[in-house]
C-alpha atoms as a PDB file:
ATOM      1  CA  UNK A   1       4.075  -1.438  -3.546  1.00  0.00           C
ATOM      2  CA  UNK A   2       7.270  -2.981  -4.012  1.00  0.00           C
ATOM      3  CA  UNK A   3       7.964   0.392  -6.407  1.00  0.00           C
ATOM      4  CA  UNK A   4       7.159   2.523  -3.458  1.00  0.00           C
ATOM      5  CA  UNK A   5       9.364   0.406  -1.155  1.00  0.00           C
ATOM      6  CA  UNK A   6      12.121   0.598  -3.437  1.00  0.00           C
ATOM      7  CA  UNK A   7      11.971   4.042  -3.863  1.00  0.00           C
ATOM      8  CA  UNK A   8      11.933   4.636  -0.094  1.00  0.00           C
ATOM      9  CA  UNK A   9      14.766   2.225   0.416  1.00  0.00           C
ATOM     10  CA  UNK A  10      16.932   4.203  -2.435  1.00  0.00           C
ATOM     11  CA  UNK A  11      16.118   7.771  -0.977  1.00  0.00           C
ATOM     12  CA  UNK A  12      19.313   9.464   0.331  1.00  0.00           C
ATOM     13  CA  UNK A  13      18.040  10.056   3.858  1.00  0.00           C
ATOM     14  CA  UNK A  14      17.630   5.679   4.501  1.00  0.00           C
ATOM     15  CA  UNK A  15      21.011   5.321   3.100  1.00  0.00           C
ATOM     16  CA  UNK A  16      22.579   7.823   5.246  1.00  0.00           C
ATOM     17  CA  UNK A  17      20.835   6.705   8.186  1.00  0.00           C
ATOM     18  CA  UNK A  18      21.663   3.176   7.595  1.00  0.00           C
ATOM     19  CA  UNK A  19      25.477   4.187   7.091  1.00  0.00           C
ATOM     20  CA  UNK A  20      25.455   6.124  10.085  1.00  0.00           C
ATOM     21  CA  UNK A  21      24.363   3.577  12.410  1.00  0.00           C
ATOM     22  CA  UNK A  22      26.760   0.697  10.726  1.00  0.00           C
ATOM     23  CA  UNK A  23      29.876   3.136  10.945  1.00  0.00           C
ATOM     24  CA  UNK A  24      28.957   4.100  14.406  1.00  0.00           C
ATOM     25  CA  UNK A  25      28.484   0.888  15.536  1.00  0.00           C
ATOM     26  CA  UNK A  26      31.696  -0.021  13.791  1.00  0.00           C
ATOM     27  CA  UNK A  27      33.841   2.788  15.068  1.00  0.00           C
ATOM     28  CA  UNK A  28      32.213   2.386  18.946  1.00  0.00           C
ATOM     29  CA  UNK A  29      35.526   0.356  20.218  1.00  0.00           C
ATOM     30  CA  UNK A  30      37.881   3.224  19.117  1.00  0.00           C
ATOM     31  CA  UNK A  31      35.707   6.009  20.124  1.00  0.00           C
ATOM     32  CA  UNK A  32      35.469   4.316  23.517  1.00  0.00           C
ATOM     33  CA  UNK A  33      38.732   3.765  23.907  1.00  0.00           C
ATOM     34  CA  UNK A  34      39.598   7.199  22.970  1.00  0.00           C
ATOM     35  CA  UNK A  35      37.303   8.753  25.436  1.00  0.00           C
ATOM     36  CA  UNK A  36      38.473   6.286  27.898  1.00  0.00           C
ATOM     37  CA  UNK A  37      42.303   6.738  27.285  1.00  0.00           C
ATOM     38  CA  UNK A  38      42.597  10.437  26.658  1.00  0.00           C
ATOM     39  CA  UNK A  39      39.239  12.570  27.405  1.00  0.00           C
ATOM     40  CA  UNK A  40      38.536  11.150  30.479  1.00  0.00           C
ATOM     41  CA  UNK A  41      41.683  11.527  32.157  1.00  0.00           C
ATOM     42  CA  UNK A  42      41.806  15.396  30.996  1.00  0.00           C
ATOM     43  CA  UNK A  43      38.402  15.485  32.546  1.00  0.00           C
ATOM     44  CA  UNK A  44      39.599  13.780  35.728  1.00  0.00           C
ATOM     45  CA  UNK A  45      42.465  16.764  36.186  1.00  0.00           C
ATOM     46  CA  UNK A  46      40.153  19.003  37.977  1.00  0.00           C
ATOM     47  CA  UNK A  47      38.360  16.289  40.280  1.00  0.00           C
ATOM     48  CA  UNK A  48      41.705  14.410  41.159  1.00  0.00           C
ATOM     49  CA  UNK A  49      40.331  10.718  40.390  1.00  0.00           C
ATOM     50  CA  UNK A  50      40.833   8.203  37.898  1.00  0.00           C
ATOM     51  CA  UNK A  51      37.557   9.313  35.987  1.00  0.00           C
ATOM     52  CA  UNK A  52      36.041  12.171  35.732  1.00  0.00           C
ATOM     53  CA  UNK A  53      34.303  13.182  38.615  1.00  0.00           C
ATOM     54  CA  UNK A  54      32.546  16.084  37.687  1.00  0.00           C
ATOM     55  CA  UNK A  55      28.999  15.754  39.644  1.00  0.00           C
ATOM     56  CA  UNK A  56      26.538  17.884  41.081  1.00  0.00           C
ATOM     57  CA  UNK A  57      25.141  16.893  44.527  1.00  0.00           C
ATOM     58  CA  UNK A  58      21.461  17.002  44.644  1.00  0.00           C
ATOM     59  CA  UNK A  59      19.924  15.119  47.631  1.00  0.00           C
ATOM     60  CA  UNK A  60      21.859  13.127  50.525  1.00  0.00           C
ATOM     61  CA  UNK A  61      20.191  10.348  52.156  1.00  0.00           C
ATOM     62  CA  UNK A  62      20.838   7.723  54.819  1.00  0.00           C
ATOM     63  CA  UNK A  63      20.065   4.218  53.857  1.00  0.00           C
ATOM     64  CA  UNK A  64      20.204   0.517  55.741  1.00  0.00           C
ATOM     65  CA  UNK A  65      22.416  -1.746  53.745  1.00  0.00           C
ATOM     66  CA  UNK A  66      23.578  -5.565  55.013  1.00  0.00           C
ATOM     67  CA  UNK A  67      27.277  -5.262  56.768  1.00  0.00           C
ATOM     68  CA  UNK A  68      29.845  -6.811  55.003  1.00  0.00           C
ATOM     69  CA  UNK A  69      32.624  -9.109  56.649  1.00  0.00           C
ATOM     70  CA  UNK A  70      36.227  -9.246  55.493  1.00  0.00           C
ATOM     71  CA  UNK A  71      35.333 -12.010  52.987  1.00  0.00           C
ATOM     72  CA  UNK A  72      32.970  -9.785  51.255  1.00  0.00           C
ATOM     73  CA  UNK A  73      29.864 -11.609  52.442  1.00  0.00           C
ATOM     74  CA  UNK A  74      27.174 -10.263  55.002  1.00  0.00           C
ATOM     75  CA  UNK A  75      27.770 -10.771  58.340  1.00  0.00           C
ATOM     76  CA  UNK A  76      24.926 -12.763  60.248  1.00  0.00           C
ATOM     77  CA  UNK A  77      23.703 -12.489  63.760  1.00  0.00           C
ATOM     78  CA  UNK A  78      21.029 -15.226  64.949  1.00  0.00           C
ATOM     79  CA  UNK A  79      20.368 -16.291  61.429  1.00  0.00           C
ATOM     80  CA  UNK A  80      19.740 -12.508  60.155  1.00  0.00           C
ATOM     81  CA  UNK A  81      22.000  -9.901  58.433  1.00  0.00           C
ATOM     82  CA  UNK A  82      23.606  -7.281  60.344  1.00  0.00           C
ATOM     83  CA  UNK A  83      22.319  -4.005  59.132  1.00  0.00           C
ATOM     84  CA  UNK A  84      24.394  -0.520  59.056  1.00  0.00           C
ATOM     85  CA  UNK A  85      23.235   2.923  58.021  1.00  0.00           C
ATOM     86  CA  UNK A  86      25.237   4.621  55.239  1.00  0.00           C
ATOM     87  CA  UNK A  87      25.085   7.849  53.735  1.00  0.00           C
ATOM     88  CA  UNK A  88      23.995   7.879  50.157  1.00  0.00           C
ATOM     89  CA  UNK A  89      24.595  11.204  47.991  1.00  0.00           C
ATOM     90  CA  UNK A  90      22.182  11.599  44.985  1.00  0.00           C
ATOM     91  CA  UNK A  91      24.072  13.406  42.455  1.00  0.00           C
ATOM     92  CA  UNK A  92      24.239  14.332  38.440  1.00  0.00           C
ATOM     93  CA  UNK A  93      27.348  12.804  37.001  1.00  0.00           C
ATOM     94  CA  UNK A  94      28.314  15.651  34.392  1.00  0.00           C
ATOM     95  CA  UNK A  95      31.697  13.926  33.476  1.00  0.00           C
ATOM     96  CA  UNK A  96      29.710  11.098  31.714  1.00  0.00           C
ATOM     97  CA  UNK A  97      27.604  13.047  29.744  1.00  0.00           C
ATOM     98  CA  UNK A  98      30.328  15.188  28.638  1.00  0.00           C
ATOM     99  CA  UNK A  99      31.954  12.074  27.568  1.00  0.00           C
ATOM    100  CA  UNK A 100      29.197  10.606  25.669  1.00  0.00           C
ATOM    101  CA  UNK A 101      28.834  14.177  24.004  1.00  0.00           C
ATOM    102  CA  UNK A 102      32.236  13.920  22.985  1.00  0.00           C
ATOM    103  CA  UNK A 103      32.135  10.118  21.964  1.00  0.00           C
ATOM    104  CA  UNK A 104      28.979  11.237  19.549  1.00  0.00           C
ATOM    105  CA  UNK A 105      31.111  14.176  18.241  1.00  0.00           C
ATOM    106  CA  UNK A 106      34.238  12.067  17.501  1.00  0.00           C
ATOM    107  CA  UNK A 107      31.572   9.566  15.674  1.00  0.00           C
ATOM    108  CA  UNK A 108      29.618  12.190  13.742  1.00  0.00           C
ATOM    109  CA  UNK A 109      32.904  13.713  12.473  1.00  0.00           C
ATOM    110  CA  UNK A 110      34.136  10.386  11.291  1.00  0.00           C
ATOM    111  CA  UNK A 111      30.848   9.462   9.449  1.00  0.00           C
ATOM    112  CA  UNK A 112      30.763  12.912   8.036  1.00  0.00           C
ATOM    113  CA  UNK A 113      34.135  12.869   6.598  1.00  0.00           C
ATOM    114  CA  UNK A 114      34.539   9.372   5.551  1.00  0.00           C
ATOM    115  CA  UNK A 115      31.118   8.527   4.305  1.00  0.00           C
ATOM    116  CA  UNK A 116      28.644  11.658   3.514  1.00  0.00           C
ATOM    117  CA  UNK A 117      31.307  13.856   2.270  1.00  0.00           C
ATOM    118  CA  UNK A 118      32.838  11.637  -0.410  1.00  0.00           C
ATOM    119  CA  UNK A 119      29.306  10.358  -1.286  1.00  0.00           C
ATOM    120  CA  UNK A 120      27.980  14.151  -2.117  1.00  0.00           C
ATOM    121  CA  UNK A 121      30.868  14.230  -4.012  1.00  0.00           C
ATOM    122  CA  UNK A 122      30.393  11.311  -6.058  1.00  0.00           C
ATOM    123  CA  UNK A 123      26.321  12.618  -6.352  1.00  0.00           C
ATOM    124  CA  UNK A 124      27.256  15.882  -7.401  1.00  0.00           C
ATOM    125  CA  UNK A 125      30.058  14.325 -10.282  1.00  0.00           C
ATOM    126  CA  UNK A 126      27.065  12.356 -11.500  1.00  0.00           C
ATOM    127  CA  UNK A 127      24.796  15.203 -11.679  1.00  0.00           C
ATOM    128  CA  UNK A 128      27.539  17.311 -13.329  1.00  0.00           C
ATOM    129  CA  UNK A 129      27.876  14.596 -15.990  1.00  0.00           C
ATOM    130  CA  UNK A 130      24.262  13.989 -16.322  1.00  0.00           C
ATOM    131  CA  UNK A 131      23.792  17.901 -17.243  1.00  0.00           C
ATOM    132  CA  UNK A 132      26.500  17.950 -19.539  1.00  0.00           C
ATOM    133  CA  UNK A 133      25.472  14.899 -21.504  1.00  0.00           C
ATOM    134  CA  UNK A 134      23.512  16.494 -24.921  1.00  0.00           C
ATOM    135  CA  UNK A 135      19.956  14.957 -24.707  1.00  0.00           C
ATOM    136  CA  UNK A 136      19.307  11.959 -26.658  1.00  0.00           C
ATOM    137  CA  UNK A 137      18.679  12.187 -30.689  1.00  0.00           C
ATOM    138  CA  UNK A 138      14.824  12.553 -31.432  1.00  0.00           C
ATOM    139  CA  UNK A 139      13.073   9.365 -32.976  1.00  0.00           C
ATOM    140  CA  UNK A 140      13.202   9.486 -37.195  1.00  0.00           C
ATOM    141  CA  UNK A 141       9.784  10.367 -37.031  1.00  0.00           C
ATOM    142  CA  UNK A 142       9.912  13.113 -34.868  1.00  0.00           C
ATOM    143  CA  UNK A 143      13.070  14.479 -36.302  1.00  0.00           C
ATOM    144  CA  UNK A 144      10.837  14.557 -39.936  1.00  0.00           C
ATOM    145  CA  UNK A 145       7.686  16.269 -38.389  1.00  0.00           C
ATOM    146  CA  UNK A 146      10.069  18.917 -36.621  1.00  0.00           C
ATOM    147  CA  UNK A 147      11.847  19.793 -40.269  1.00  0.00           C
ATOM    148  CA  UNK A 148       8.607  19.965 -42.021  1.00  0.00           C
ATOM    149  CA  UNK A 149       7.348  22.369 -39.291  1.00  0.00           C
ATOM    150  CA  UNK A 150      10.399  24.442 -39.525  1.00  0.00           C
ATOM    151  CA  UNK A 151       9.776  24.586 -43.358  1.00  0.00           C
ATOM    152  CA  UNK A 152       6.442  25.442 -43.197  1.00  0.00           C
ATOM    153  CA  UNK A 153       7.132  28.351 -40.696  1.00  0.00           C
ATOM    154  CA  UNK A 154       9.744  29.512 -43.486  1.00  0.00           C
END
Protein backbone atom coordinates (compact mmCIF):
# COMPACT_ATOMS: atom_id res chain seq x y z
CA UNK A 1 0.00 0.00 0.00
CA UNK A 2 2.87 2.37 0.76
CA UNK A 3 4.43 1.73 -2.65
CA UNK A 4 1.09 2.49 -4.28
CA UNK A 5 0.75 5.69 -2.25
CA UNK A 6 4.28 6.74 -3.18
CA UNK A 7 3.55 6.13 -6.88
CA UNK A 8 0.36 8.19 -6.56
CA UNK A 9 2.12 11.09 -4.83
CA UNK A 10 4.93 11.14 -7.37
CA UNK A 11 2.58 11.23 -10.35
CA UNK A 12 2.86 14.42 -12.36
CA UNK A 13 -0.83 15.27 -11.99
CA UNK A 14 -0.71 15.38 -8.18
CA UNK A 15 2.43 17.49 -8.20
CA UNK A 16 0.98 19.85 -10.82
CA UNK A 17 -2.25 20.21 -8.85
CA UNK A 18 -0.56 20.84 -5.53
CA UNK A 19 1.82 23.32 -7.13
CA UNK A 20 -1.10 25.15 -8.69
CA UNK A 21 -2.94 25.36 -5.38
CA UNK A 22 0.10 26.63 -3.50
CA UNK A 23 1.06 29.21 -6.11
CA UNK A 24 -2.56 30.26 -6.55
CA UNK A 25 -2.84 30.89 -2.83
CA UNK A 26 0.45 32.77 -2.79
CA UNK A 27 -0.55 35.04 -5.67
CA UNK A 28 -4.06 35.76 -4.40
CA UNK A 29 -3.02 39.12 -2.99
CA UNK A 30 -1.26 40.18 -6.18
CA UNK A 31 -4.09 39.06 -8.41
CA UNK A 32 -6.71 40.72 -6.19
CA UNK A 33 -4.75 43.98 -6.15
CA UNK A 34 -4.31 43.89 -9.92
CA UNK A 35 -8.00 43.17 -10.46
CA UNK A 36 -9.17 45.85 -8.03
CA UNK A 37 -6.59 48.44 -9.09
CA UNK A 38 -6.51 48.01 -12.86
CA UNK A 39 -9.21 45.70 -14.21
CA UNK A 40 -12.19 46.98 -12.21
CA UNK A 41 -11.59 50.67 -13.04
CA UNK A 42 -11.37 49.79 -16.74
CA UNK A 43 -14.58 47.77 -16.49
CA UNK A 44 -16.20 50.66 -14.56
CA UNK A 45 -15.68 53.11 -17.44
CA UNK A 46 -18.94 52.21 -19.22
CA UNK A 47 -20.85 52.03 -15.91
CA UNK A 48 -19.36 55.23 -14.48
CA UNK A 49 -19.05 53.82 -10.95
CA UNK A 50 -16.08 53.00 -8.74
CA UNK A 51 -16.59 49.27 -9.35
CA UNK A 52 -17.71 47.46 -12.46
CA UNK A 53 -21.46 47.87 -12.60
CA UNK A 54 -22.14 45.53 -15.48
CA UNK A 55 -25.44 44.08 -14.34
CA UNK A 56 -28.50 42.57 -15.95
CA UNK A 57 -31.73 43.12 -13.99
CA UNK A 58 -33.81 39.98 -13.55
CA UNK A 59 -36.67 40.92 -11.25
CA UNK A 60 -37.88 43.98 -9.37
CA UNK A 61 -39.61 43.44 -6.02
CA UNK A 62 -40.79 45.50 -3.07
CA UNK A 63 -39.55 44.50 0.39
CA UNK A 64 -40.25 45.78 3.89
CA UNK A 65 -37.28 46.90 5.96
CA UNK A 66 -36.89 48.72 9.26
CA UNK A 67 -36.64 52.50 8.85
CA UNK A 68 -33.30 53.82 10.07
CA UNK A 69 -32.77 57.08 11.91
CA UNK A 70 -29.87 59.54 11.49
CA UNK A 71 -27.85 57.52 14.01
CA UNK A 72 -28.20 54.40 11.89
CA UNK A 73 -30.44 52.63 14.40
CA UNK A 74 -34.01 51.52 13.64
CA UNK A 75 -36.71 54.10 14.37
CA UNK A 76 -38.96 52.76 17.15
CA UNK A 77 -42.62 53.57 17.72
CA UNK A 78 -44.62 51.99 20.58
CA UNK A 79 -41.79 49.51 21.15
CA UNK A 80 -41.84 48.30 17.54
CA UNK A 81 -39.60 49.17 14.63
CA UNK A 82 -41.12 51.43 12.00
CA UNK A 83 -41.18 49.62 8.67
CA UNK A 84 -40.86 51.10 5.21
CA UNK A 85 -41.18 49.60 1.74
CA UNK A 86 -38.22 49.78 -0.61
CA UNK A 87 -37.71 48.64 -4.15
CA UNK A 88 -35.15 45.84 -4.60
CA UNK A 89 -33.83 44.81 -7.98
CA UNK A 90 -32.47 41.28 -8.34
CA UNK A 91 -29.73 41.29 -10.95
CA UNK A 92 -26.86 39.31 -12.42
CA UNK A 93 -23.53 41.01 -11.74
CA UNK A 94 -21.37 40.40 -14.81
CA UNK A 95 -18.60 42.68 -13.51
CA UNK A 96 -17.83 40.27 -10.66
CA UNK A 97 -17.78 37.32 -13.06
CA UNK A 98 -15.47 39.10 -15.51
CA UNK A 99 -13.14 40.11 -12.66
CA UNK A 100 -13.03 36.52 -11.38
CA UNK A 101 -12.28 35.15 -14.87
CA UNK A 102 -9.46 37.66 -15.34
CA UNK A 103 -8.05 36.81 -11.90
CA UNK A 104 -8.14 33.13 -12.81
CA UNK A 105 -6.39 33.71 -16.14
CA UNK A 106 -3.65 35.77 -14.49
CA UNK A 107 -3.09 33.09 -11.84
CA UNK A 108 -3.05 30.33 -14.48
CA UNK A 109 -0.54 32.26 -16.59
CA UNK A 110 1.77 32.81 -13.62
CA UNK A 111 1.61 29.14 -12.61
CA UNK A 112 2.21 28.02 -16.21
CA UNK A 113 5.16 30.30 -16.95
CA UNK A 114 6.81 30.19 -13.53
CA UNK A 115 6.35 26.52 -12.60
CA UNK A 116 4.92 24.23 -15.28
CA UNK A 117 7.03 25.43 -18.21
CA UNK A 118 10.40 25.21 -16.35
CA UNK A 119 9.52 21.80 -14.86
CA UNK A 120 8.51 20.46 -18.29
CA UNK A 121 11.82 21.68 -19.72
CA UNK A 122 13.72 20.08 -16.84
CA UNK A 123 11.84 16.78 -17.33
CA UNK A 124 12.60 16.86 -21.09
CA UNK A 125 16.30 17.46 -20.38
CA UNK A 126 16.32 14.57 -17.88
CA UNK A 127 14.67 12.19 -20.36
CA UNK A 128 17.10 13.30 -23.09
CA UNK A 129 20.09 12.53 -20.84
CA UNK A 130 18.60 9.13 -19.96
CA UNK A 131 18.14 8.35 -23.67
CA UNK A 132 21.72 9.40 -24.50
CA UNK A 133 23.29 7.37 -21.69
CA UNK A 134 24.73 4.05 -22.88
CA UNK A 135 23.08 0.96 -21.46
CA UNK A 136 24.93 -0.56 -18.51
CA UNK A 137 27.48 -3.25 -19.36
CA UNK A 138 26.12 -6.78 -18.96
CA UNK A 139 27.39 -8.97 -16.15
CA UNK A 140 30.56 -10.96 -16.85
CA UNK A 141 28.77 -14.30 -17.17
CA UNK A 142 26.20 -12.82 -19.59
CA UNK A 143 29.01 -11.32 -21.68
CA UNK A 144 30.79 -14.68 -21.77
CA UNK A 145 27.62 -16.52 -22.81
CA UNK A 146 26.93 -13.93 -25.53
CA UNK A 147 30.48 -14.34 -26.87
CA UNK A 148 30.13 -18.16 -26.90
CA UNK A 149 26.78 -17.85 -28.75
CA UNK A 150 28.29 -15.56 -31.36
CA UNK A 151 31.23 -17.94 -31.89
CA UNK A 152 28.87 -20.89 -32.29
CA UNK A 153 26.87 -18.96 -34.91
CA UNK A 154 30.04 -18.48 -36.99
